[in-house]
Amino acid sequence: MSKTAIITGSLGSLGRATTTCFKEYGFRVVGFDRPQTIEHAPAASDTEEHHGVDLSDVASTQTLLNTICEAKKPIHAGVMIAGGFSMGNLLETSMAEIHRMLAINFETAFNTTQALMPYMAKGGRLIYVGAKPALEPSAGQHMSAYAFSKSLVFRLAEMVNEAGKERGISASVVVPSIIDTPANREAMPQANFDDWVRAGEIGEMISFMCSEHGRAVRNTTIKMYANS
């Protein structure tokens, strides 16, 4: 029987690339994304399906994930990609923007983690997508709310590693710099795209870490900065 991977933000550039990589490793993927994006999802199949939900809403997340995970348990991998980005330095950043970034980047990851943990297989893996600005103040100084929200993702992974010890459940954080996506190319047309990390490279790393081949790589923070 195929192993099951849950992927949030599954219909974005990184989510689609990661889904492809997991399927190549023999996983069945259950993806979650915003309700308004589901109309663009591929047709459900034996290896892939997608569901629409607001992951920042605790009740909606718990209800949908409980139903799906109960039917497909055990869950072998959970990948938290859902998130968003905003600019603004420390003096420009409002508390409302901090709350918005927390909802998009931290609450979505926390709510999904809380729903998934009871259904995780022994030795299961949870992978979070961090951000360079959350680790390096020089990189985060012009995107304060984003950096604050992503910094909590690292603390969440640490808590998962403590909570999951008895069942061998571990968490790691993959930290990309600028990802080569159509949206980023449009936003930064003068940049050298060759310096950016590719979505497929990140997806390959994440799926490898969740596979039998990557079982020795645990509790890690992996920086994927390419040349940017």
Protein backbone atom coordinates (compact mmCIF):
# COMPACT_ATOMS: atom_id res chain seq x y z
CA MET A 1 0.00 0.00 0.00
CA SER A 2 1.28 3.48 -0.84
CA LYS A 3 2.33 5.79 1.94
CA THR A 4 0.27 8.95 2.37
CA ALA A 5 1.65 12.49 2.39
CA ILE A 6 -0.37 15.56 3.35
CA ILE A 7 0.76 18.75 1.59
CA THR A 8 -0.62 22.22 2.31
CA GLY A 9 -0.35 24.95 -0.30
CA SER A 10 -0.42 22.09 -2.77
CA LEU A 11 -1.54 24.12 -5.80
CA GLY A 12 1.16 26.79 -5.71
CA SER A 13 4.43 26.49 -7.63
CA LEU A 14 6.30 24.83 -4.77
CA GLY A 15 3.31 22.70 -3.81
CA ARG A 16 2.89 21.31 -7.32
CA ALA A 17 6.60 20.56 -7.63
CA THR A 18 6.63 18.84 -4.24
CA THR A 19 3.54 16.80 -5.10
CA THR A 20 5.25 15.54 -8.26
CA CYS A 21 8.35 14.53 -6.29
CA PHE A 22 6.36 12.67 -3.64
CA LYS A 23 4.50 10.73 -6.29
CA GLU A 24 7.81 9.74 -7.85
CA TYR A 25 8.80 8.30 -4.46
CA GLY A 26 5.60 6.24 -4.44
CA PHE A 27 3.51 8.36 -2.07
CA ARG A 28 -0.18 9.05 -2.40
CA VAL A 29 -0.62 12.83 -1.99
CA VAL A 30 -3.55 14.56 -0.33
CA GLY A 31 -3.25 18.28 -0.94
CA PHE A 32 -4.92 21.25 0.72
CA ASP A 33 -5.16 24.79 -0.58
CA ARG A 34 -7.46 27.81 -0.44
CA PRO A 35 -11.04 27.07 -1.52
CA GLN A 36 -10.83 29.56 -4.41
CA THR A 37 -7.91 27.68 -5.98
CA ILE A 38 -9.47 24.21 -6.02
CA GLU A 39 -11.13 24.74 -9.39
CA HIS A 40 -7.61 24.67 -10.86
CA ALA A 41 -6.70 21.37 -9.19
CA PRO A 42 -5.95 18.24 -11.23
CA ALA A 43 -8.69 15.63 -11.27
CA ALA A 44 -8.56 13.30 -8.28
CA SER A 45 -6.80 9.99 -8.89
CA ASP A 46 -5.42 7.04 -6.95
CA THR A 47 -2.19 8.98 -6.36
CA GLU A 48 -3.36 12.57 -5.89
CA GLU A 49 -6.32 14.56 -4.61
CA HIS A 50 -6.84 18.16 -3.45
CA HIS A 51 -9.24 19.81 -1.04
CA GLY A 52 -10.14 23.43 -0.36
CA VAL A 53 -10.00 24.79 3.18
CA ASP A 54 -8.99 27.92 5.07
CA LEU A 55 -6.16 26.45 7.14
CA SER A 56 -6.08 29.48 9.42
CA ASP A 57 -9.58 28.50 10.60
CA VAL A 58 -9.16 25.99 13.42
CA ALA A 59 -12.62 24.39 13.23
CA SER A 60 -12.60 23.99 9.43
CA THR A 61 -9.10 22.54 9.45
CA GLN A 62 -9.81 20.07 12.24
CA THR A 63 -13.10 18.92 10.71
CA LEU A 64 -11.75 18.30 7.20
CA LEU A 65 -8.39 16.82 8.19
CA ASN A 66 -9.93 14.56 10.83
CA THR A 67 -12.31 13.13 8.23
CA ILE A 68 -9.62 12.60 5.60
CA CYS A 69 -6.89 11.36 7.94
CA GLU A 70 -9.26 8.89 9.60
CA ALA A 71 -9.98 7.41 6.17
CA LYS A 72 -6.35 7.33 5.04
CA LYS A 73 -4.43 6.72 8.28
CA PRO A 74 -1.65 6.29 9.03
CA ILE A 75 -0.19 9.49 7.60
CA HIS A 76 3.51 9.10 6.86
CA ALA A 77 4.44 12.67 5.94
CA GLY A 78 3.09 16.17 6.39
CA VAL A 79 4.49 19.11 4.46
CA MET A 80 3.49 22.62 5.46
CA ILE A 81 4.00 24.88 2.44
CA ALA A 82 0.94 27.15 2.73
CA GLY A 83 1.96 30.73 3.45
CA GLY A 84 2.34 34.26 2.18
CA PHE A 85 4.69 37.22 2.05
CA SER A 86 4.68 40.95 2.66
CA MET A 87 7.15 43.83 2.69
CA GLY A 88 7.65 46.51 5.34
CA ASN A 89 10.45 47.44 7.73
CA LEU A 90 10.15 47.60 11.51
CA LEU A 91 8.85 51.18 11.64
CA GLU A 92 6.39 50.68 8.77
CA THR A 93 4.87 47.44 10.02
CA SER A 94 1.45 47.56 11.66
CA MET A 95 0.16 45.12 14.23
CA ALA A 96 -2.64 44.27 11.80
CA GLU A 97 -0.04 43.17 9.24
CA ILE A 98 1.76 41.09 11.84
CA HIS A 99 -1.52 39.37 12.70
CA ARG A 100 -2.20 38.76 9.00
CA MET A 101 1.21 37.18 8.46
CA LEU A 102 0.86 35.10 11.61
CA ALA A 103 -2.45 33.73 10.34
CA ILE A 104 -1.05 32.90 6.92
CA ASN A 105 2.36 31.52 7.88
CA PHE A 106 2.15 30.26 11.45
CA GLU A 107 -1.49 29.46 12.19
CA THR A 108 -1.87 27.44 9.00
CA ALA A 109 1.15 25.33 9.99
CA PHE A 110 0.08 25.01 13.62
CA ASN A 111 -3.52 24.05 12.86
CA THR A 112 -2.44 21.44 10.32
CA THR A 113 0.15 20.00 12.70
CA GLN A 114 -2.35 19.75 15.52
CA ALA A 115 -4.82 17.93 13.29
CA LEU A 116 -2.20 15.59 11.81
CA MET A 117 -0.27 14.47 14.88
CA PRO A 118 -2.81 11.90 16.16
CA TYR A 119 -2.83 10.18 12.76
CA MET A 120 0.90 10.13 12.08
CA ALA A 121 2.58 6.78 11.50
CA LYS A 122 5.34 5.72 13.85
CA GLY A 123 8.48 7.34 12.50
CA GLY A 124 6.47 9.84 10.45
CA ARG A 125 7.97 13.09 9.22
CA LEU A 126 6.72 16.67 9.32
CA ILE A 127 8.48 19.18 7.10
CA TYR A 128 8.03 22.94 7.37
CA VAL A 129 9.06 25.63 4.94
CA GLY A 130 10.97 28.34 6.76
CA ALA A 131 12.46 31.53 5.37
CA LYS A 132 15.92 33.08 5.25
CA PRO A 133 14.62 36.44 6.61
CA ALA A 134 13.52 34.65 9.79
CA LEU A 135 17.07 33.45 10.41
CA GLU A 136 19.06 36.47 9.30
CA PRO A 137 18.04 39.98 10.44
CA SER A 138 19.90 41.55 7.53
CA ALA A 139 17.64 39.61 5.15
CA GLY A 140 14.48 40.27 7.15
CA GLN A 141 14.82 43.95 7.97
CA HIS A 142 12.58 45.05 5.10
CA MET A 143 9.93 42.36 5.65
CA SER A 144 9.45 42.40 9.41
CA ALA A 145 5.95 40.88 9.72
CA TYR A 146 6.89 38.05 7.38
CA ALA A 147 10.12 37.37 9.28
CA PHE A 148 8.35 37.41 12.66
CA SER A 149 5.70 34.94 11.49
CA LYS A 150 8.17 32.56 9.89
CA SER A 151 10.39 32.57 12.98
CA LEU A 152 7.60 30.79 14.88
CA VAL A 153 7.67 27.96 12.34
CA PHE A 154 11.14 27.01 13.59
CA ARG A 155 9.89 26.94 17.19
CA LEU A 156 6.92 24.80 16.11
CA ALA A 157 9.27 22.23 14.56
CA GLU A 158 11.26 22.09 17.80
CA MET A 159 8.08 21.47 19.79
CA VAL A 160 7.02 18.70 17.41
CA ASN A 161 10.36 16.98 17.89
CA GLU A 162 9.81 16.96 21.65
CA ALA A 163 6.16 15.91 21.47
CA GLY A 164 6.83 13.18 18.90
CA LYS A 165 9.82 11.49 20.53
CA GLU A 166 8.01 8.45 21.87
CA ARG A 167 6.51 7.64 18.45
CA GLY A 168 9.61 8.55 16.47
CA ILE A 169 7.84 11.47 14.77
CA SER A 170 10.31 14.14 13.76
CA ALA A 171 10.17 17.58 12.21
CA SER A 172 12.61 19.46 10.01
CA VAL A 173 12.61 22.89 8.40
CA VAL A 174 13.69 23.52 4.82
CA VAL A 175 14.76 27.14 4.35
CA PRO A 176 14.79 28.45 0.78
CA SER A 177 16.03 31.85 -0.28
CA ILE A 178 14.26 33.23 -3.37
CA ILE A 179 12.38 30.48 -5.19
CA ASP A 180 12.34 30.54 -8.97
CA THR A 181 8.61 30.86 -9.66
CA PRO A 182 6.65 32.76 -12.33
CA ALA A 183 5.38 35.18 -9.66
CA ASN A 184 8.90 35.98 -8.43
CA ARG A 185 10.19 36.44 -11.97
CA GLU A 186 7.38 38.87 -12.66
CA ALA A 187 8.04 40.78 -9.43
CA MET A 188 11.83 40.95 -9.97
CA PRO A 189 12.37 40.98 -13.75
CA GLN A 190 15.90 42.39 -13.49
CA ALA A 191 17.18 39.64 -11.18
CA ASN A 192 19.51 36.84 -12.22
CA PHE A 193 17.11 33.90 -12.11
CA ASP A 194 19.99 31.43 -12.26
CA ASP A 195 20.91 32.45 -8.71
CA TRP A 196 17.55 31.33 -7.32
CA VAL A 197 16.67 27.91 -5.93
CA ARG A 198 14.23 25.96 -8.08
CA ALA A 199 10.93 24.67 -6.76
CA GLY A 200 11.73 21.17 -8.02
CA GLU A 201 15.00 21.14 -6.07
CA ILE A 202 13.15 21.98 -2.87
CA GLY A 203 10.45 19.40 -3.60
CA GLU A 204 13.09 16.75 -4.22
CA MET A 205 14.81 17.51 -0.91
CA ILE A 206 11.53 17.40 1.03
CA SER A 207 10.33 14.15 -0.52
CA PHE A 208 13.77 12.56 -0.09
CA MET A 209 13.74 13.42 3.61
CA CYS A 210 10.35 11.72 3.99
CA SER A 211 11.38 8.61 2.06
CA GLU A 212 13.15 5.52 3.31
CA HIS A 213 16.35 6.87 1.75
CA GLY A 214 16.25 9.96 3.95
CA ARG A 215 15.27 8.43 7.27
CA ALA A 216 18.67 9.22 8.80
CA VAL A 217 18.16 12.95 8.19
CA ARG A 218 16.16 14.06 11.21
CA ASN A 219 15.44 17.18 13.30
CA THR A 220 17.34 19.38 10.87
CA THR A 221 17.27 22.87 9.42
CA ILE A 222 18.33 22.67 5.78
CA LYS A 223 19.27 25.90 4.03
CA MET A 224 18.62 25.93 0.30
CA TYR A 225 19.93 29.33 -0.73
CA ALA A 226 21.46 28.50 -4.13
CA ASN A 227 23.39 31.70 -4.97
CA SER A 228 20.92 34.18 -3.53
